[in-house]
Protein backbone atom coordinates (compact mmCIF):
# COMPACT_ATOMS: atom_id res chain seq x y z
CA UNK A 1 0.00 0.00 0.00
CA UNK A 2 1.34 3.43 -0.93
CA UNK A 3 0.62 6.63 1.02
CA UNK A 4 -2.26 8.54 -0.57
CA UNK A 5 -2.76 12.28 -0.04
CA UNK A 6 -5.83 14.34 -0.87
CA UNK A 7 -4.76 17.89 -1.75
CA UNK A 8 -7.51 20.51 -1.49
CA UNK A 9 -6.60 23.64 -3.44
CA UNK A 10 -8.00 27.15 -3.05
CA UNK A 11 -9.43 27.83 -6.55
CA UNK A 12 -7.07 30.57 -7.76
CA UNK A 13 -3.94 30.02 -9.84
CA UNK A 14 -1.64 31.68 -7.30
CA UNK A 15 -2.71 29.02 -4.79
CA UNK A 16 -2.97 26.10 -7.22
CA UNK A 17 0.61 26.34 -8.53
CA UNK A 18 2.41 25.86 -5.18
CA UNK A 19 -0.07 23.14 -4.24
CA UNK A 20 0.85 21.38 -7.48
CA UNK A 21 4.54 21.76 -6.65
CA UNK A 22 3.80 20.09 -3.34
CA UNK A 23 2.02 17.30 -5.22
CA UNK A 24 5.11 16.73 -7.38
CA UNK A 25 7.29 16.61 -4.27
CA UNK A 26 5.03 14.06 -2.60
CA UNK A 27 4.95 11.92 -5.75
CA UNK A 28 8.75 11.97 -5.85
CA UNK A 29 8.64 10.29 -2.43
CA UNK A 30 6.31 7.51 -3.50
CA UNK A 31 2.93 9.08 -2.86
CA UNK A 32 -0.27 8.76 -4.79
CA UNK A 33 -1.89 12.22 -4.92
CA UNK A 34 -5.51 13.10 -5.58
CA UNK A 35 -5.70 16.81 -6.42
CA UNK A 36 -9.10 18.42 -5.79
CA UNK A 37 -9.97 21.58 -7.70
CA UNK A 38 -13.08 23.47 -8.76
CA UNK A 39 -14.76 22.40 -12.02
CA UNK A 40 -14.02 25.71 -13.73
CA UNK A 41 -10.30 25.68 -12.92
CA UNK A 42 -10.03 21.95 -13.60
CA UNK A 43 -11.46 22.43 -17.10
CA UNK A 44 -9.27 25.48 -17.82
CA UNK A 45 -6.17 23.54 -16.83
CA UNK A 46 -7.09 20.55 -19.00
CA UNK A 47 -7.80 22.84 -21.95
CA UNK A 48 -4.55 24.79 -21.66
CA UNK A 49 -2.17 21.89 -21.02
CA UNK A 50 -1.08 18.69 -22.72
CA UNK A 51 -2.10 15.31 -21.24
CA UNK A 52 1.51 14.53 -20.24
CA UNK A 53 1.82 17.68 -18.12
CA UNK A 54 1.09 15.68 -14.98
CA UNK A 55 2.60 12.63 -13.35
CA UNK A 56 0.63 9.38 -13.56
CA UNK A 57 0.41 9.35 -9.76
CA UNK A 58 -1.34 12.74 -9.65
CA UNK A 59 -5.06 12.30 -10.21
CA UNK A 60 -7.02 15.45 -10.95
CA UNK A 61 -10.63 15.59 -9.74
CA UNK A 62 -13.08 18.45 -9.30
CA UNK A 63 -16.35 19.58 -7.75
CA UNK A 64 -18.78 22.22 -9.06
CA UNK A 65 -17.74 25.74 -8.08
CA UNK A 66 -16.90 29.03 -9.74
CA UNK A 67 -16.27 32.33 -8.00
CA UNK A 68 -19.04 34.84 -8.73
CA UNK A 69 -18.10 38.36 -9.80
CA UNK A 70 -16.21 39.84 -6.84
CA UNK A 71 -15.81 43.49 -7.85
CA UNK A 72 -17.61 44.84 -4.75
CA UNK A 73 -17.13 44.25 -1.02
CA UNK A 74 -20.45 42.41 -0.94
CA UNK A 75 -19.39 40.29 -3.91
CA UNK A 76 -16.17 39.28 -2.15
CA UNK A 77 -18.07 38.17 0.94
CA UNK A 78 -20.62 36.28 -1.15
CA UNK A 79 -17.86 34.57 -3.12
CA UNK A 80 -16.01 33.38 -0.04
CA UNK A 81 -19.21 32.17 1.59
CA UNK A 82 -20.16 30.28 -1.58
CA UNK A 83 -16.72 28.65 -1.55
CA UNK A 84 -17.22 27.56 2.05
CA UNK A 85 -20.47 25.88 1.05
CA UNK A 86 -19.60 24.36 -2.33
CA UNK A 87 -16.10 23.17 -1.34
CA UNK A 88 -16.67 22.97 2.42
CA UNK A 89 -16.49 20.12 4.96
CA UNK A 90 -19.59 18.21 3.82
CA UNK A 91 -18.32 18.18 0.23
CA UNK A 92 -14.82 17.10 1.27
CA UNK A 93 -16.34 14.34 3.41
CA UNK A 94 -18.23 13.05 0.37
CA UNK A 95 -15.08 13.25 -1.77
CA UNK A 96 -13.08 11.27 0.79
CA UNK A 97 -15.74 8.57 0.89
CA UNK A 98 -15.86 8.34 -2.91
CA UNK A 99 -12.07 8.14 -3.23
CA UNK A 100 -11.82 5.41 -0.59
CA UNK A 101 -14.64 3.43 -2.18
CA UNK A 102 -12.75 3.41 -5.50
CA UNK A 103 -9.34 2.71 -3.96
CA UNK A 104 -9.76 -0.21 -1.58
CA UNK A 105 -6.02 -0.96 -1.67
CA UNK A 106 -4.89 2.68 -1.53
CA UNK A 107 -7.28 4.58 0.68
CA UNK A 108 -6.44 8.13 1.68
CA UNK A 109 -3.81 8.41 4.39
CA UNK A 110 -3.88 12.19 4.85
CA UNK A 111 -5.51 15.44 3.76
CA UNK A 112 -3.48 18.54 2.91
CA UNK A 113 -5.69 21.59 2.44
CA UNK A 114 -4.95 25.18 1.57
CA UNK A 115 -5.04 27.17 4.81
CA UNK A 116 -8.02 29.14 3.48
CA UNK A 117 -9.88 25.85 2.87
CA UNK A 118 -9.39 24.36 6.35
CA UNK A 119 -12.56 25.67 7.98
CA UNK A 120 -14.19 22.63 9.60
CA UNK A 121 -11.90 20.09 7.94
CA UNK A 122 -10.38 18.81 11.17
CA UNK A 123 -13.69 17.12 11.96
CA UNK A 124 -13.66 15.42 8.55
CA UNK A 125 -10.10 14.16 9.04
CA UNK A 126 -10.95 12.93 12.54
CA UNK A 127 -14.06 11.14 11.26
CA UNK A 128 -11.98 9.25 8.69
CA UNK A 129 -9.09 8.69 11.14
CA UNK A 130 -6.49 10.40 8.96
CA UNK A 131 -4.25 13.39 9.72
CA UNK A 132 -4.90 16.90 8.40
CA UNK A 133 -2.20 19.36 7.41
CA UNK A 134 -2.76 22.99 6.42
CA UNK A 135 -0.73 24.46 3.57
CA UNK A 136 -0.18 28.21 3.54
CA UNK A 137 0.91 29.27 0.06
CA UNK A 138 2.28 32.68 1.11
CA UNK A 139 4.99 34.06 3.36
CA UNK A 140 4.83 32.97 6.98
CA UNK A 141 4.52 36.69 7.76
CA UNK A 142 1.21 36.86 5.92
CA UNK A 143 -0.24 34.26 8.27
CA UNK A 144 1.37 36.04 11.23
CA UNK A 145 -0.38 39.31 10.40
CA UNK A 146 -3.77 37.69 10.92
CA UNK A 147 -2.50 35.65 13.87
CA UNK A 148 -1.30 38.73 15.77
CA UNK A 149 -4.14 41.07 14.73
CA UNK A 150 -6.44 40.31 17.70
CA UNK A 151 -3.67 41.47 20.04
CA UNK A 152 -3.37 44.75 18.12
CA UNK A 153 -7.13 45.24 18.34
CA UNK A 154 -6.93 44.70 22.12
CA UNK A 155 -4.11 47.24 22.36
CA UNK A 156 -6.11 49.82 20.43
CA UNK A 157 -3.70 49.89 17.48
CA UNK A 158 -6.30 48.45 15.09
CA UNK A 159 -10.03 49.09 15.12
CA UNK A 160 -12.34 46.07 15.27
CA UNK A 161 -12.78 46.28 11.48
CA UNK A 162 -9.01 46.14 10.89
CA UNK A 163 -8.38 49.80 10.10
CA UNK A 164 -5.43 51.46 11.90
CA UNK A 165 -6.60 53.88 14.59
CA UNK A 166 -3.81 56.44 14.48
CA UNK A 167 -0.38 55.29 13.36
CA UNK A 168 0.87 55.65 9.79
CA UNK A 169 2.71 52.35 10.18
CA UNK A 170 1.71 49.15 11.94
CA UNK A 171 4.15 46.66 13.46
CA UNK A 172 2.52 43.30 14.12
CA UNK A 173 5.50 41.76 15.88
CA UNK A 174 9.06 42.72 16.75
CA UNK A 175 10.32 40.07 14.31
CA UNK A 176 8.43 41.65 11.39
CA UNK A 177 8.97 44.91 9.45
CA UNK A 178 6.47 47.73 9.97
CA UNK A 179 3.77 48.03 7.31
CA UNK A 180 2.37 51.31 6.05
CA UNK A 181 -1.24 51.63 7.18
CA UNK A 182 -2.37 51.67 3.55
CA UNK A 183 -0.62 48.36 2.82
CA UNK A 184 -2.56 46.09 5.16
CA UNK A 185 -3.53 42.98 3.18
CA UNK A 186 -7.28 43.10 3.85
CA UNK A 187 -7.94 46.74 2.95
CA UNK A 188 -8.76 45.85 -0.67
CA UNK A 189 -11.68 43.72 0.55
CA UNK A 190 -12.72 45.46 3.77
CA UNK A 191 -13.77 44.16 7.17
CA UNK A 192 -15.00 40.81 5.86
CA UNK A 193 -11.51 39.65 4.82
CA UNK A 194 -10.01 40.96 8.06
CA UNK A 195 -12.37 38.82 10.10
CA UNK A 196 -12.07 35.88 7.69
CA UNK A 197 -8.28 36.00 7.98
CA UNK A 198 -8.42 36.01 11.78
CA UNK A 199 -10.78 33.01 11.65
CA UNK A 200 -8.37 31.26 9.27
CA UNK A 201 -5.44 31.81 11.64
CA UNK A 202 -7.47 30.59 14.62
CA UNK A 203 -8.58 27.48 12.72
CA UNK A 204 -5.09 26.68 11.47
CA UNK A 205 -3.56 27.27 14.91
CA UNK A 206 -5.18 24.05 16.14
CA UNK A 207 -3.92 21.91 13.24
CA UNK A 208 -0.77 19.99 14.15
CA UNK A 209 0.98 20.42 10.81
CA UNK A 210 1.00 23.88 9.20
CA UNK A 211 3.16 23.86 6.07
CA UNK A 212 4.43 27.13 4.61
CA UNK A 213 5.59 27.82 1.08
CA UNK A 214 8.58 29.70 2.45
CA UNK A 215 11.99 28.86 3.87
CA UNK A 216 13.44 29.46 7.31
CA UNK A 217 16.42 31.58 6.32
CA UNK A 218 14.29 34.51 5.11
CA UNK A 219 12.08 34.66 8.23
CA UNK A 220 14.15 33.16 11.06
CA UNK A 221 12.98 35.26 14.06
CA UNK A 222 9.31 35.02 13.11
CA UNK A 223 9.38 31.26 12.51
CA UNK A 224 11.10 30.74 15.86
CA UNK A 225 8.45 32.86 17.59
CA UNK A 226 5.44 31.24 15.90
CA UNK A 227 6.81 27.73 16.41
CA UNK A 228 6.23 28.13 20.15
CA UNK A 229 2.47 28.29 19.54
CA UNK A 230 1.77 26.87 16.06
CA UNK A 231 3.09 23.81 14.23
CA UNK A 232 5.05 25.91 11.71
CA UNK A 233 6.89 23.94 9.03
CA UNK A 234 8.45 25.96 6.17
CA UNK A 235 8.95 23.51 3.30
CA UNK A 236 10.05 25.88 0.54
CA UNK A 237 11.26 27.00 -1.81
CA UNK A 238 8.73 24.90 -3.73
CA UNK A 239 10.05 25.10 -7.26
CA UNK A 240 11.35 22.24 -9.42
CA UNK A 241 14.95 21.49 -8.37
CA UNK A 242 16.12 21.73 -11.98
CA UNK A 243 15.72 25.51 -11.83
CA UNK A 244 18.03 25.73 -8.83
CA UNK A 245 20.69 24.04 -10.95
CA UNK A 246 20.13 26.31 -13.99
CA UNK A 247 18.69 23.46 -16.02
CA UNK A 248 15.44 23.30 -17.92
CA UNK A 249 12.72 21.38 -16.11
CA UNK A 250 10.92 18.47 -17.71
CA UNK A 251 7.91 19.13 -15.46
CA UNK A 252 5.23 21.52 -16.62
CA UNK A 253 3.07 23.32 -14.07
CA UNK A 254 -0.57 23.38 -15.10
CA UNK A 255 -1.62 26.83 -16.23
CA UNK A 256 -4.95 28.58 -16.82
CA UNK A 257 -3.61 29.89 -20.14
CA UNK A 258 -1.66 28.20 -22.91
CA UNK A 259 2.04 29.01 -22.58
CA UNK A 260 3.74 30.77 -25.49
CA UNK A 261 7.06 28.94 -25.56
CA UNK A 262 8.25 30.80 -28.67
CA UNK A 263 9.27 33.63 -26.36
CA UNK A 264 12.07 31.38 -25.09
CA UNK A 265 13.50 31.24 -28.61
CA UNK A 266 13.22 35.02 -28.74
CA UNK A 267 15.18 35.26 -25.46
CA UNK A 268 17.90 33.05 -26.97
CA UNK A 269 18.71 35.87 -29.40
CA UNK A 270 19.63 38.35 -26.65
CA UNK A 271 22.73 38.98 -24.59
CA UNK A 272 22.99 37.88 -20.97
CA UNK A 273 21.27 40.17 -18.45
CA UNK A 274 19.80 42.43 -21.14
CA UNK A 275 16.03 41.72 -21.18
CA UNK A 276 13.38 43.26 -18.92
CA UNK A 277 10.65 40.78 -17.99
CA UNK A 278 7.20 42.22 -17.18
CA UNK A 279 4.37 40.18 -15.68
CA UNK A 280 1.53 40.86 -13.27
CA UNK A 281 0.24 37.37 -12.59
CA UNK A 282 -3.19 35.96 -13.26
CA UNK A 283 -5.50 38.45 -11.49
CA UNK A 284 -4.12 42.00 -11.73
CA UNK A 285 -6.10 44.46 -13.86
CA UNK A 286 -4.87 47.84 -15.12
CA UNK A 287 -6.53 50.92 -16.56
CA UNK A 288 -6.06 51.91 -20.20
CA UNK A 289 -4.00 54.91 -19.03
CA UNK A 290 -1.72 52.66 -16.97
CA UNK A 291 -1.15 50.25 -19.86
CA UNK A 292 -0.27 53.24 -22.05
CA UNK A 293 2.25 54.62 -19.53
CA UNK A 294 3.89 51.23 -19.15
CA UNK A 295 4.15 50.81 -22.91
CA UNK A 296 5.69 54.26 -23.33
CA UNK A 297 8.09 53.55 -20.49
CA UNK A 298 9.29 50.35 -22.14
CA UNK A 299 9.69 52.19 -25.42
CA UNK A 300 11.70 54.95 -23.75
CA UNK A 301 14.14 52.55 -22.08
CA UNK A 302 15.43 51.39 -25.47
CA UNK A 303 16.10 48.01 -23.89
CA UNK A 304 14.73 44.64 -25.02
CA UNK A 305 11.68 43.53 -23.05
CA UNK A 306 9.38 40.53 -22.73
CA UNK A 307 5.89 41.59 -21.64
CA UNK A 308 3.28 39.09 -20.51
CA UNK A 309 0.09 40.89 -21.54
CA UNK A 310 -2.97 38.84 -20.60
CA UNK A 311 -6.06 39.46 -22.75
CA UNK A 312 -7.99 40.35 -19.58
CA UNK A 313 -5.29 42.58 -18.06
CA UNK A 314 -7.20 45.80 -18.76
CA UNK A 315 -10.37 46.79 -16.96
CA UNK A 316 -13.51 46.30 -19.01
CA UNK A 317 -11.92 45.25 -22.31
CA UNK A 318 -9.01 43.51 -23.95
CA UNK A 319 -5.69 45.25 -23.40
CA UNK A 320 -5.17 48.08 -25.91
CA UNK A 321 -1.66 49.29 -26.71
CA UNK A 322 -0.81 52.79 -28.00
CA UNK A 323 -1.12 53.31 -31.75
CA UNK A 324 1.87 51.98 -33.72
CA UNK A 325 3.57 50.86 -30.48
CA UNK A 326 4.19 47.32 -31.72
CA UNK A 327 5.75 48.61 -34.92
CA UNK A 328 8.07 50.97 -33.05
CA UNK A 329 9.36 48.29 -30.67
CA UNK A 330 9.24 45.26 -32.98
CA UNK A 331 13.04 44.87 -33.02
CA UNK A 332 13.35 44.64 -29.23
CA UNK A 333 9.93 43.89 -27.77
CA UNK A 334 8.17 40.55 -27.38
CA UNK A 335 4.57 40.53 -26.14
CA UNK A 336 2.82 37.27 -25.24
CA UNK A 337 -0.46 36.43 -23.52
CA UNK A 338 1.14 33.88 -21.17
CA UNK A 339 4.60 32.40 -20.68
CA UNK A 340 6.35 29.64 -18.71
CA UNK A 341 7.60 31.98 -16.00
CA UNK A 342 10.20 29.76 -14.34
CA UNK A 343 11.83 29.08 -17.69
CA UNK A 344 11.75 32.78 -18.51
CA UNK A 345 13.24 33.91 -15.19
CA UNK A 346 15.99 31.29 -15.37
CA UNK A 347 16.96 32.29 -18.90
CA UNK A 348 20.43 33.95 -18.91
CA UNK A 349 19.16 36.93 -20.94
CA UNK A 350 16.85 38.17 -18.15
CA UNK A 351 18.13 41.28 -16.37
CA UNK A 352 15.25 42.10 -14.03
CA UNK A 353 11.60 41.45 -13.30
CA UNK A 354 8.84 44.10 -13.21
CA UNK A 355 6.42 42.29 -10.92
CA UNK A 356 3.14 42.63 -9.04
CA UNK A 357 4.90 40.95 -6.07
CA UNK A 358 2.68 37.90 -5.88
CA UNK A 359 4.46 35.47 -3.56
CA UNK A 360 5.00 32.82 -6.23
CA UNK A 361 6.71 35.37 -8.48
CA UNK A 362 8.80 36.77 -5.63
CA UNK A 363 9.93 33.35 -4.44
CA UNK A 364 10.81 32.32 -7.99
CA UNK A 365 12.85 35.50 -8.39
CA UNK A 366 14.66 34.83 -5.11
CA UNK A 367 15.56 31.25 -5.98
CA UNK A 368 16.76 32.19 -9.46
CA UNK A 369 18.49 35.41 -8.36
CA UNK A 370 16.59 38.01 -10.41
CA UNK A 371 16.29 41.59 -9.02
CA UNK A 372 12.83 43.16 -8.99
CA UNK A 373 10.95 46.38 -9.69
CA UNK A 374 7.98 46.14 -7.35
CA UNK A 375 4.43 47.10 -8.29
CA UNK A 376 1.97 45.43 -5.87
CA UNK A 377 -1.72 45.23 -6.71
CA UNK A 378 -3.58 43.84 -3.69
CA UNK A 379 -3.65 41.52 -0.64
CA UNK A 380 -0.25 40.17 0.52
CA UNK A 381 1.61 41.78 -2.39
CA UNK A 382 2.31 44.96 -0.39
CA UNK A 383 3.78 42.87 2.43
CA UNK A 384 5.93 41.01 -0.08
CA UNK A 385 7.16 44.33 -1.50
CA UNK A 386 8.16 45.46 1.99
CA UNK A 387 10.27 42.34 2.44
CA UNK A 388 11.80 42.55 -1.05
CA UNK A 389 12.83 46.20 -0.68
CA UNK A 390 13.34 46.87 3.04
CA UNK A 391 14.39 43.49 4.45
CA UNK A 392 16.07 41.48 1.71
CA UNK A 393 17.24 44.46 -0.41
CA UNK A 394 16.39 42.68 -3.66
CA UNK A 395 14.56 45.42 -5.54
CA UNK A 396 13.17 48.92 -5.88
CA UNK A 397 9.65 50.37 -5.71
CA UNK A 398 7.65 51.86 -8.55
CA UNK A 399 5.83 54.87 -7.11
CA UNK A 400 2.46 56.07 -8.40
CA UNK A 401 1.46 59.71 -8.90
CA UNK A 402 -1.41 61.42 -7.06
CA UNK A 403 -3.90 59.74 -9.42
CA UNK A 404 -2.54 56.26 -8.71
CA UNK A 405 -0.76 55.97 -12.07
CA UNK A 406 2.86 54.89 -12.45
CA UNK A 407 4.14 57.20 -15.15
CA UNK A 408 6.47 56.50 -18.04
CA UNK A 409 9.36 58.33 -16.35
CA UNK A 410 9.06 56.24 -13.19
CA UNK A 411 9.64 53.06 -15.18
CA UNK A 412 12.64 54.58 -16.93
CA UNK A 413 14.14 55.87 -13.67
CA UNK A 414 13.62 52.59 -11.82
CA UNK A 415 15.21 50.54 -14.59
CA UNK A 416 18.19 52.89 -14.89
CA UNK A 417 18.87 52.64 -11.15
CA UNK A 418 18.40 48.88 -11.06
CA UNK A 419 20.48 48.11 -14.14
CA UNK A 420 23.07 50.88 -14.35
CA UNK A 421 23.81 52.37 -10.90
CA UNK A 422 25.94 51.42 -7.92
CA UNK A 423 22.74 50.83 -5.95
CA UNK A 424 21.57 48.44 -8.63
CA UNK A 425 24.87 46.57 -8.43
CA UNK A 426 24.37 46.14 -4.68
CA UNK A 427 20.83 44.85 -5.24
CA UNK A 428 22.05 42.32 -7.80
CA UNK A 429 24.72 41.15 -5.36
CA UNK A 430 22.10 40.66 -2.62
CA UNK A 431 20.00 38.70 -5.12
CA UNK A 432 22.99 36.48 -5.85
CA UNK A 433 23.58 35.84 -2.14
CA UNK A 434 19.97 34.97 -1.38
CA UNK A 435 19.84 32.68 -4.40
CA UNK A 436 22.63 30.63 -2.82
CA UNK A 437 20.78 30.53 0.51
CA UNK A 438 17.61 29.38 -1.25
CA UNK A 439 19.58 26.66 -3.02
CA UNK A 440 20.98 25.23 0.20
CA UNK A 441 17.63 25.50 1.94
CA UNK A 442 16.05 23.54 -0.91
CA UNK A 443 18.78 20.90 -0.64
CA UNK A 444 18.15 20.57 3.08
CA UNK A 445 14.38 20.18 2.76
CA UNK A 446 14.43 18.15 -0.45
CA UNK A 447 12.96 15.27 1.52
CA UNK A 448 10.25 17.57 2.91
CA UNK A 449 12.09 17.58 6.22
CA UNK A 450 11.54 20.66 8.32
CA UNK A 451 13.25 23.93 7.52
CA UNK A 452 13.31 24.60 11.26
CA UNK A 453 15.86 21.78 11.43
CA UNK A 454 14.19 19.72 14.13
CA UNK A 455 11.47 17.10 14.56
CA UNK A 456 10.32 14.32 12.20
CA UNK A 457 9.98 15.02 8.53
CA UNK A 458 6.56 15.59 6.99
CA UNK A 459 6.95 12.58 4.73
CA UNK A 460 7.39 10.40 7.82
CA UNK A 461 4.18 11.87 9.21
CA UNK A 462 2.30 10.87 6.07
CA UNK A 463 3.90 7.43 5.79
CA UNK A 464 3.10 6.56 9.37
CA UNK A 465 -0.45 7.89 9.43
CA UNK A 466 -3.15 5.21 9.50
CA UNK A 467 -5.49 4.54 6.64
CA UNK A 468 -9.18 5.11 7.09
CA UNK A 469 -11.25 2.09 7.99
């Protein structure tokens, strides 16, 4: 009998990708993995990827769910509540029963659920006599913000709805950098997400195994503090090991969009450290004015650039570029709708990354050693920017004007500093150093042993856990 894990993903690509990396890692240690997704994401992944994109021991299944439109505070709350119903404990219980009925010889031996999907799941795991682990796909600090928030409310630093009462910056713990009051991760979604995040932290606190897609060396004091109260296990960096050795991976991460691999051939034509890579992930939306300023900025740099321009990047319509822009930059610009990001970042021609600071993108940049220009959009991305710029010294900010627009000149200035100045040289050196640290951390946890360097490894936990009866 082989160990069999049910992985329950939060239905957004930024959560699905690291969960899939975890699936690959489990499979490499002899696991059978059943990967549960929503119908809509499951179908998008199957449509955009080839059948051999997954390992034979990763079985993709799905249940009916699709986020409703969440462009209002009420819509966000409704969407999260619908998720809790359509992919909640009763549904997971049914899924577990169905899997076990079909796999008499290989029943489930554990459940690993996204931290935001753990509400009520401990009772399901207990019912089926299998362990539950939570998987937090972001920085440990993102979890810590919600974990420590009740204390800040009690101290009068935060109001009960999560808004800062007086200070321009908020420090959640002595082991964490201060955050500007406008950068708190729930402000984009209001009080509902503040309270939901606190509930998530309280729920996860009581789960024995809390896995983090991070690595100890970048958050040592915080991990040591949290470990006294929560079962904190950083198991990152969760990227294919081939990319830590500067080799092309044979594994393809499922994507919501079809990758344009021709851009890799385009990169082959350029000198080392010469190309600017621009990508804002799978959710960010920009105004027409902002797209125009970015395009003009890239034109003004006179440097080669690869721009991942999703069809739905612009609010209300397909992305529209300035007139004749493509003609003017055709000798040095490559624009694609989606690209294999790890392969792009690890390409020797890449000089820097203009990023929305999603944690997957930041962690990939760290492990590959690419400096960043930071342009956060929402949620934990502002926290990630703070770490990139103020703590790890791996990048520079892009600052918006009074109307919230990052102007052409700001892009030009940021790129000149990052790629041509003494400060930029120092940033690139810090990126090189942290890349080495990430490499050795990955080597140490390659067996999914704990980054905190003590206790049994997570694989042992799964191998020893009993099957349901």
